[in-house]
C-alpha atoms as a PDB file:
ATOM      1  CA  MET A   1      -3.852  -2.375  -1.537  1.00  0.00           C
ATOM      2  CA  ASP A   2      -0.830  -0.091  -1.145  1.00  0.00           C
ATOM      3  CA  ALA A   3       0.854   2.850  -2.857  1.00  0.00           C
ATOM      4  CA  ASP A   4       2.161   0.620  -5.662  1.00  0.00           C
ATOM      5  CA  THR A   5      -1.147  -1.038  -6.550  1.00  0.00           C
ATOM      6  CA  THR A   6      -3.151   2.198  -6.505  1.00  0.00           C
ATOM      7  CA  LYS A   7      -0.977   4.326  -8.794  1.00  0.00           C
ATOM      8  CA  GLU A   8      -3.301   4.084 -11.767  1.00  0.00           C
ATOM      9  CA  LYS A   9      -6.496   6.104 -12.036  1.00  0.00           C
ATOM     10  CA  GLU A  10      -9.492   4.468 -10.335  1.00  0.00           C
ATOM     11  CA  SER A  11      -7.362   1.494  -9.168  1.00  0.00           C
ATOM     12  CA  TYR A  12      -8.261   2.355  -5.568  1.00  0.00           C
ATOM     13  CA  GLU A  13     -11.990   2.136  -6.300  1.00  0.00           C
ATOM     14  CA  LYS A  14     -11.569  -1.034  -8.372  1.00  0.00           C
ATOM     15  CA  ILE A  15      -9.871  -2.920  -5.540  1.00  0.00           C
ATOM     16  CA  LEU A  16     -12.433  -1.852  -2.950  1.00  0.00           C
ATOM     17  CA  SER A  17     -15.435  -2.581  -5.168  1.00  0.00           C
ATOM     18  CA  SER A  18     -14.029  -5.991  -6.078  1.00  0.00           C
ATOM     19  CA  PHE A  19     -13.631  -6.842  -2.399  1.00  0.00           C
ATOM     20  CA  ALA A  20     -17.073  -5.465  -1.522  1.00  0.00           C
ATOM     21  CA  ASN A  21     -18.624  -7.557  -4.294  1.00  0.00           C
ATOM     22  CA  GLU A  22     -16.924 -10.693  -2.937  1.00  0.00           C
ATOM     23  CA  GLY A  23     -14.399 -10.908  -5.745  1.00  0.00           C
ATOM     24  CA  ALA A  24     -11.874 -11.811  -3.052  1.00  0.00           C
ATOM     25  CA  ASP A  25     -12.096 -13.190   0.471  1.00  0.00           C
ATOM     26  CA  ILE A  26      -8.976 -11.482   1.809  1.00  0.00           C
ATOM     27  CA  LEU A  27      -7.817  -7.889   1.430  1.00  0.00           C
ATOM     28  CA  VAL A  28      -4.185  -7.213   2.367  1.00  0.00           C
ATOM     29  CA  GLY A  29      -2.999  -3.645   2.564  1.00  0.00           C
ATOM     30  CA  THR A  30      -1.299  -0.785   4.360  1.00  0.00           C
ATOM     31  CA  GLN A  31      -2.922   1.813   6.609  1.00  0.00           C
ATOM     32  CA  MET A  32      -5.045   3.109   3.713  1.00  0.00           C
ATOM     33  CA  ILE A  33      -7.490   0.193   4.088  1.00  0.00           C
ATOM     34  CA  VAL A  34      -8.442   0.833   7.708  1.00  0.00           C
ATOM     35  CA  LYS A  35     -10.236   4.176   7.528  1.00  0.00           C
ATOM     36  CA  GLY A  36     -13.895   4.612   6.814  1.00  0.00           C
ATOM     37  CA  HIS A  37     -14.636   1.460   4.838  1.00  0.00           C
ATOM     38  CA  ASP A  38     -17.795  -0.498   5.577  1.00  0.00           C
ATOM     39  CA  PHE A  39     -17.796  -4.155   4.500  1.00  0.00           C
ATOM     40  CA  PRO A  40     -20.687  -5.943   6.264  1.00  0.00           C
ATOM     41  CA  LYS A  41     -19.319  -9.452   5.705  1.00  0.00           C
ATOM     42  CA  VAL A  42     -15.834  -8.821   7.089  1.00  0.00           C
ATOM     43  CA  THR A  43     -15.586 -10.906  10.260  1.00  0.00           C
ATOM     44  CA  LEU A  44     -11.810 -11.043  10.832  1.00  0.00           C
ATOM     45  CA  VAL A  45      -9.178  -8.307  10.907  1.00  0.00           C
ATOM     46  CA  GLY A  46      -5.495  -9.051  11.460  1.00  0.00           C
ATOM     47  CA  ILE A  47      -3.026  -6.266  12.297  1.00  0.00           C
ATOM     48  CA  LEU A  48       0.671  -7.072  11.794  1.00  0.00           C
ATOM     49  CA  ALA A  49       3.511  -5.254  13.590  1.00  0.00           C
ATOM     50  CA  ALA A  50       0.958  -3.090  15.357  1.00  0.00           C
ATOM     51  CA  ASP A  51       3.625  -1.327  17.410  1.00  0.00           C
ATOM     52  CA  LEU A  52       5.783  -0.007  14.542  1.00  0.00           C
ATOM     53  CA  SER A  53       4.225   3.435  14.846  1.00  0.00           C
ATOM     54  CA  LEU A  54       5.268   3.560  18.514  1.00  0.00           C
ATOM     55  CA  ASN A  55       8.897   3.863  17.370  1.00  0.00           C
ATOM     56  CA  VAL A  56       8.338   7.100  15.439  1.00  0.00           C
ATOM     57  CA  SER A  57      10.114  10.116  16.948  1.00  0.00           C
ATOM     58  CA  ASP A  58       6.876  11.945  17.656  1.00  0.00           C
ATOM     59  CA  TYR A  59       5.353  12.598  21.071  1.00  0.00           C
ATOM     60  CA  ARG A  60       1.956  11.615  19.636  1.00  0.00           C
ATOM     61  CA  SER A  61       3.085   8.134  18.564  1.00  0.00           C
ATOM     62  CA  GLY A  62       0.987   6.459  21.270  1.00  0.00           C
ATOM     63  CA  GLU A  63      -2.090   8.421  20.248  1.00  0.00           C
ATOM     64  CA  ARG A  64      -1.590   7.599  16.578  1.00  0.00           C
ATOM     65  CA  THR A  65      -1.068   3.914  17.337  1.00  0.00           C
ATOM     66  CA  PHE A  66      -4.251   3.731  19.393  1.00  0.00           C
ATOM     67  CA  GLN A  67      -6.163   5.588  16.682  1.00  0.00           C
ATOM     68  CA  LEU A  68      -4.906   3.286  13.937  1.00  0.00           C
ATOM     69  CA  LEU A  69      -5.669   0.102  15.876  1.00  0.00           C
ATOM     70  CA  ALA A  70      -9.135   1.301  16.882  1.00  0.00           C
ATOM     71  CA  GLN A  71      -9.933   2.170  13.266  1.00  0.00           C
ATOM     72  CA  ALA A  72      -8.623  -1.151  11.951  1.00  0.00           C
ATOM     73  CA  ALA A  73     -10.501  -3.135  14.575  1.00  0.00           C
ATOM     74  CA  GLY A  74     -13.680  -1.285  13.661  1.00  0.00           C
ATOM     75  CA  ARG A  75     -13.680  -2.913  10.214  1.00  0.00           C
ATOM     76  CA  ALA A  76     -14.700  -6.314  11.654  1.00  0.00           C
ATOM     77  CA  GLY A  77     -18.216  -7.329  12.661  1.00  0.00           C
ATOM     78  CA  ARG A  78     -19.960  -4.227  11.365  1.00  0.00           C
ATOM     79  CA  ASP A  79     -23.197  -6.040  10.517  1.00  0.00           C
ATOM     80  CA  GLU A  80     -25.046  -9.054  11.896  1.00  0.00           C
ATOM     81  CA  LEU A  81     -22.037 -11.390  11.757  1.00  0.00           C
ATOM     82  CA  PRO A  82     -19.736 -11.260  14.810  1.00  0.00           C
ATOM     83  CA  GLY A  83     -16.223  -9.904  14.334  1.00  0.00           C
ATOM     84  CA  LYS A  84     -12.791 -10.853  15.636  1.00  0.00           C
ATOM     85  CA  VAL A  85      -9.553  -8.861  15.690  1.00  0.00           C
ATOM     86  CA  ILE A  86      -6.047 -10.324  16.041  1.00  0.00           C
ATOM     87  CA  ILE A  87      -3.225  -7.912  16.917  1.00  0.00           C
ATOM     88  CA  GLN A  88       0.400  -9.010  16.446  1.00  0.00           C
ATOM     89  CA  THR A  89       2.820  -6.901  18.482  1.00  0.00           C
ATOM     90  CA  TYR A  90       6.233  -6.963  20.129  1.00  0.00           C
ATOM     91  CA  GLN A  91       4.983  -4.669  22.916  1.00  0.00           C
ATOM     92  CA  PRO A  92       1.784  -6.376  24.142  1.00  0.00           C
ATOM     93  CA  GLU A  93       1.925  -4.545  27.487  1.00  0.00           C
ATOM     94  CA  HIS A  94       1.990  -1.019  26.027  1.00  0.00           C
ATOM     95  CA  TYR A  95      -1.124   0.894  27.031  1.00  0.00           C
ATOM     96  CA  SER A  96      -1.818   1.969  23.434  1.00  0.00           C
ATOM     97  CA  ILE A  97      -2.074  -1.707  22.483  1.00  0.00           C
ATOM     98  CA  THR A  98      -3.990  -2.953  25.525  1.00  0.00           C
ATOM     99  CA  THR A  99      -6.552  -0.148  25.547  1.00  0.00           C
ATOM    100  CA  ALA A 100      -7.125  -0.424  21.791  1.00  0.00           C
ATOM    101  CA  ALA A 101      -7.633  -4.176  22.133  1.00  0.00           C
ATOM    102  CA  GLY A 102     -10.185  -3.544  24.889  1.00  0.00           C
ATOM    103  CA  GLU A 103     -11.822  -0.586  23.116  1.00  0.00           C
ATOM    104  CA  ASP A 104     -11.061   1.408  26.247  1.00  0.00           C
ATOM    105  CA  TYR A 105     -11.010   5.019  25.051  1.00  0.00           C
ATOM    106  CA  THR A 106     -11.207   6.488  28.558  1.00  0.00           C
ATOM    107  CA  GLY A 107      -8.382   4.271  29.800  1.00  0.00           C
ATOM    108  CA  PHE A 108      -6.157   5.332  26.927  1.00  0.00           C
ATOM    109  CA  PHE A 109      -6.900   9.011  27.501  1.00  0.00           C
ATOM    110  CA  LYS A 110      -5.998   8.819  31.185  1.00  0.00           C
ATOM    111  CA  GLN A 111      -2.698   7.021  30.584  1.00  0.00           C
ATOM    112  CA  GLU A 112      -1.704   9.189  27.631  1.00  0.00           C
ATOM    113  CA  MET A 113      -2.369  12.394  29.555  1.00  0.00           C
ATOM    114  CA  ALA A 114      -0.366  11.091  32.526  1.00  0.00           C
ATOM    115  CA  TYR A 115       2.528  10.384  30.149  1.00  0.00           C
ATOM    116  CA  ARG A 116       2.329  13.866  28.634  1.00  0.00           C
ATOM    117  CA  ARG A 117       2.254  15.505  32.066  1.00  0.00           C
ATOM    118  CA  LEU A 118       5.337  13.536  33.075  1.00  0.00           C
ATOM    119  CA  MET A 119       7.248  14.333  29.881  1.00  0.00           C
ATOM    120  CA  LYS A 120       6.013  17.930  29.520  1.00  0.00           C
ATOM    121  CA  TYR A 121       4.384  17.352  26.139  1.00  0.00           C
ATOM    122  CA  PRO A 122       1.400  19.226  24.652  1.00  0.00           C
ATOM    123  CA  PRO A 123      -1.251  19.918  25.762  1.00  0.00           C
ATOM    124  CA  GLN A 124       0.300  19.790  29.252  1.00  0.00           C
ATOM    125  CA  ALA A 125       3.189  22.014  28.158  1.00  0.00           C
ATOM    126  CA  HIS A 126       4.429  23.537  24.906  1.00  0.00           C
ATOM    127  CA  ILE A 127       7.233  22.792  22.456  1.00  0.00           C
ATOM    128  CA  LEU A 128       9.201  24.942  20.034  1.00  0.00           C
ATOM    129  CA  ALA A 129      10.963  22.965  17.296  1.00  0.00           C
ATOM    130  CA  VAL A 130      13.903  24.790  15.694  1.00  0.00           C
ATOM    131  CA  LEU A 131      15.177  23.286  12.435  1.00  0.00           C
ATOM    132  CA  CYS A 132      18.440  24.375  10.807  1.00  0.00           C
ATOM    133  CA  ILE A 133      18.881  23.421   7.136  1.00  0.00           C
ATOM    134  CA  GLY A 134      21.981  23.966   5.004  1.00  0.00           C
ATOM    135  CA  LYS A 135      24.067  22.482   2.196  1.00  0.00           C
ATOM    136  CA  ASP A 136      27.334  22.478   4.174  1.00  0.00           C
ATOM    137  CA  GLU A 137      27.163  19.837   6.917  1.00  0.00           C
ATOM    138  CA  LEU A 138      29.736  21.318   9.315  1.00  0.00           C
ATOM    139  CA  ARG A 139      28.529  24.870   8.795  1.00  0.00           C
ATOM    140  CA  THR A 140      24.931  23.813   9.487  1.00  0.00           C
ATOM    141  CA  GLU A 141      25.952  21.953  12.653  1.00  0.00           C
ATOM    142  CA  ALA A 142      27.959  24.947  13.891  1.00  0.00           C
ATOM    143  CA  PHE A 143      25.088  27.334  13.194  1.00  0.00           C
ATOM    144  CA  CYS A 144      22.612  25.079  15.017  1.00  0.00           C
ATOM    145  CA  GLY A 145      25.053  24.861  17.934  1.00  0.00           C
ATOM    146  CA  ARG A 146      25.085  28.649  18.266  1.00  0.00           C
ATOM    147  CA  VAL A 147      21.284  28.790  18.177  1.00  0.00           C
ATOM    148  CA  ALA A 148      21.085  26.058  20.845  1.00  0.00           C
ATOM    149  CA  ALA A 149      23.591  27.938  23.026  1.00  0.00           C
ATOM    150  CA  ALA A 150      21.441  31.064  22.816  1.00  0.00           C
ATOM    151  CA  ALA A 151      18.358  29.044  23.736  1.00  0.00           C
ATOM    152  CA  LYS A 152      20.148  27.501  26.725  1.00  0.00           C
ATOM    153  CA  GLN A 153      21.291  30.919  27.910  1.00  0.00           C
ATOM    154  CA  PHE A 154      17.699  32.147  27.616  1.00  0.00           C
ATOM    155  CA  ALA A 155      16.485  29.144  29.640  1.00  0.00           C
ATOM    156  CA  LYS A 156      19.142  29.759  32.287  1.00  0.00           C
ATOM    157  CA  GLU A 157      17.895  33.310  32.784  1.00  0.00           C
ATOM    158  CA  LYS A 158      14.270  32.141  33.251  1.00  0.00           C
ATOM    159  CA  THR A 159      14.915  30.935  36.785  1.00  0.00           C
ATOM    160  CA  GLY A 160      11.263  30.972  37.856  1.00  0.00           C
ATOM    161  CA  ASP A 161       9.928  29.063  34.847  1.00  0.00           C
ATOM    162  CA  PHE A 162      10.341  25.607  33.383  1.00  0.00           C
ATOM    163  CA  VAL A 163      12.338  25.823  30.137  1.00  0.00           C
ATOM    164  CA  ALA A 164      14.260  22.809  28.808  1.00  0.00           C
ATOM    165  CA  VAL A 165      16.461  22.748  25.716  1.00  0.00           C
ATOM    166  CA  ILE A 166      17.028  19.414  23.958  1.00  0.00           C
ATOM    167  CA  GLY A 167      19.751  19.278  21.324  1.00  0.00           C
ATOM    168  CA  PRO A 168      21.177  20.248  18.965  1.00  0.00           C
ATOM    169  CA  THR A 169      21.055  16.907  17.183  1.00  0.00           C
ATOM    170  CA  LYS A 170      20.569  15.534  13.709  1.00  0.00           C
ATOM    171  CA  ALA A 171      16.943  15.415  12.589  1.00  0.00           C
ATOM    172  CA  SER A 172      15.354  12.005  12.047  1.00  0.00           C
ATOM    173  CA  ILE A 173      15.772  12.724   8.321  1.00  0.00           C
ATOM    174  CA  SER A 174      19.274  14.138   8.631  1.00  0.00           C
ATOM    175  CA  LYS A 175      19.762  14.804   4.906  1.00  0.00           C
ATOM    176  CA  SER A 176      17.219  15.501   2.189  1.00  0.00           C
ATOM    177  CA  ASN A 177      17.842  16.739  -1.381  1.00  0.00           C
ATOM    178  CA  ASP A 178      21.491  17.466  -0.515  1.00  0.00           C
ATOM    179  CA  PHE A 179      20.489  19.614   2.471  1.00  0.00           C
ATOM    180  CA  TYR A 180      21.623  18.726   6.005  1.00  0.00           C
ATOM    181  CA  ARG A 181      19.081  19.063   8.795  1.00  0.00           C
ATOM    182  CA  ASN A 182      19.775  19.707  12.486  1.00  0.00           C
ATOM    183  CA  LEU A 183      17.189  20.090  15.192  1.00  0.00           C
ATOM    184  CA  ILE A 184      16.596  21.674  18.602  1.00  0.00           C
ATOM    185  CA  TYR A 185      13.540  21.180  20.819  1.00  0.00           C
ATOM    186  CA  ILE A 186      12.628  23.629  23.586  1.00  0.00           C
ATOM    187  CA  LYS A 187       9.930  22.761  26.135  1.00  0.00           C
ATOM    188  CA  ALA A 188       8.192  25.261  28.406  1.00  0.00           C
ATOM    189  CA  ASP A 189       5.068  25.437  30.537  1.00  0.00           C
ATOM    190  CA  SER A 190       4.228  28.835  29.066  1.00  0.00           C
ATOM    191  CA  TYR A 191       3.521  29.416  25.389  1.00  0.00           C
ATOM    192  CA  GLY A 192       4.437  33.063  25.948  1.00  0.00           C
ATOM    193  CA  ILE A 193       7.983  32.123  26.984  1.00  0.00           C
ATOM    194  CA  LEU A 194       8.473  30.233  23.724  1.00  0.00           C
ATOM    195  CA  THR A 195       7.237  33.155  21.642  1.00  0.00           C
ATOM    196  CA  GLU A 196       9.689  35.363  23.541  1.00  0.00           C
ATOM    197  CA  LEU A 197      12.490  32.914  22.813  1.00  0.00           C
ATOM    198  CA  ALA A 198      11.500  32.697  19.139  1.00  0.00           C
ATOM    199  CA  ALA A 199      11.914  36.470  18.890  1.00  0.00           C
ATOM    200  CA  VAL A 200      15.417  36.157  20.362  1.00  0.00           C
ATOM    201  CA  LEU A 201      16.386  33.412  17.905  1.00  0.00           C
ATOM    202  CA  GLU A 202      15.059  35.355  14.907  1.00  0.00           C
ATOM    203  CA  GLN A 203      18.246  37.458  14.904  1.00  0.00           C
ATOM    204  CA  TYR A 204      20.268  34.410  13.901  1.00  0.00           C
ATOM    205  CA  ARG A 205      18.694  34.431  10.443  1.00  0.00           C
ATOM    206  CA  GLU A 206      20.948  37.405   9.649  1.00  0.00           C
ATOM    207  CA  GLN A 207      24.138  35.739  10.862  1.00  0.00           C
ATOM    208  CA  ASP A 208      24.333  33.180   8.067  1.00  0.00           C
ATOM    209  CA  ARG A 209      22.136  33.569   5.001  1.00  0.00           C
ATOM    210  CA  THR A 210      23.193  30.144   3.705  1.00  0.00           C
ATOM    211  CA  ILE A 211      21.301  28.438   6.543  1.00  0.00           C
ATOM    212  CA  ILE A 212      17.514  28.163   6.630  1.00  0.00           C
ATOM    213  CA  LEU A 213      16.083  28.588  10.131  1.00  0.00           C
ATOM    214  CA  GLN A 214      12.576  27.214  10.691  1.00  0.00           C
ATOM    215  CA  MET A 215      10.573  27.395  13.919  1.00  0.00           C
ATOM    216  CA  ASP A 216       7.394  25.438  14.662  1.00  0.00           C
ATOM    217  CA  PHE A 217       5.242  25.701  17.789  1.00  0.00           C
ATOM    218  CA  ASP A 218       3.729  22.461  19.156  1.00  0.00           C
ATOM    219  CA  PRO A 219       4.676  20.533  15.998  1.00  0.00           C
ATOM    220  CA  MET A 220       2.105  18.065  14.692  1.00  0.00           C
ATOM    221  CA  GLY A 221       4.676  15.599  13.373  1.00  0.00           C
ATOM    222  CA  SER A 222       8.273  14.475  13.578  1.00  0.00           C
ATOM    223  CA  TYR A 223      11.347  15.911  11.855  1.00  0.00           C
END
């Protein structure tokens, strides 16, 4: 079960009902098969490349990995028959992997929160993501550089507060639909400081109408 095999109408339901009715002994699929399904006779779950999601440029990658593994593991042994879960990983010592394997929700929470305190990630601090999008690569880079310089000057003036500017750099998807994408991250302990900075950066929208300037507080995904 994946995006290719479920394109047709009702194909999703057909695959699941066939498996539930013992039309097949093994169901192979992507992440879509791990959430919410209840198959009483499933006794073995295998998770391949369990750490791939740890490499996503998102501060919540550890949380998402733990969530995915816990959900996948929960598909085995849901009825009277005992269940077994095998996790294949290149990072067997990572706390997201070890705590998921041990069903240790409290242990994961403690280590994840310690990591976010250390790195100044939400909810321990706040982030403002500034995305600059334009059709001219050099012009977009130059524009994003000016915005980053203004953010760094703002941070320099906030001597009594923690404000860190990261970038500018190319976004993880650096080009999409012929538009170039450059990114700046600003971290701060205070949400109010970031809203103040956002107001300062708003003026740059008028400097170059060919560039799209987007700002996102505590982003829920990667760019």
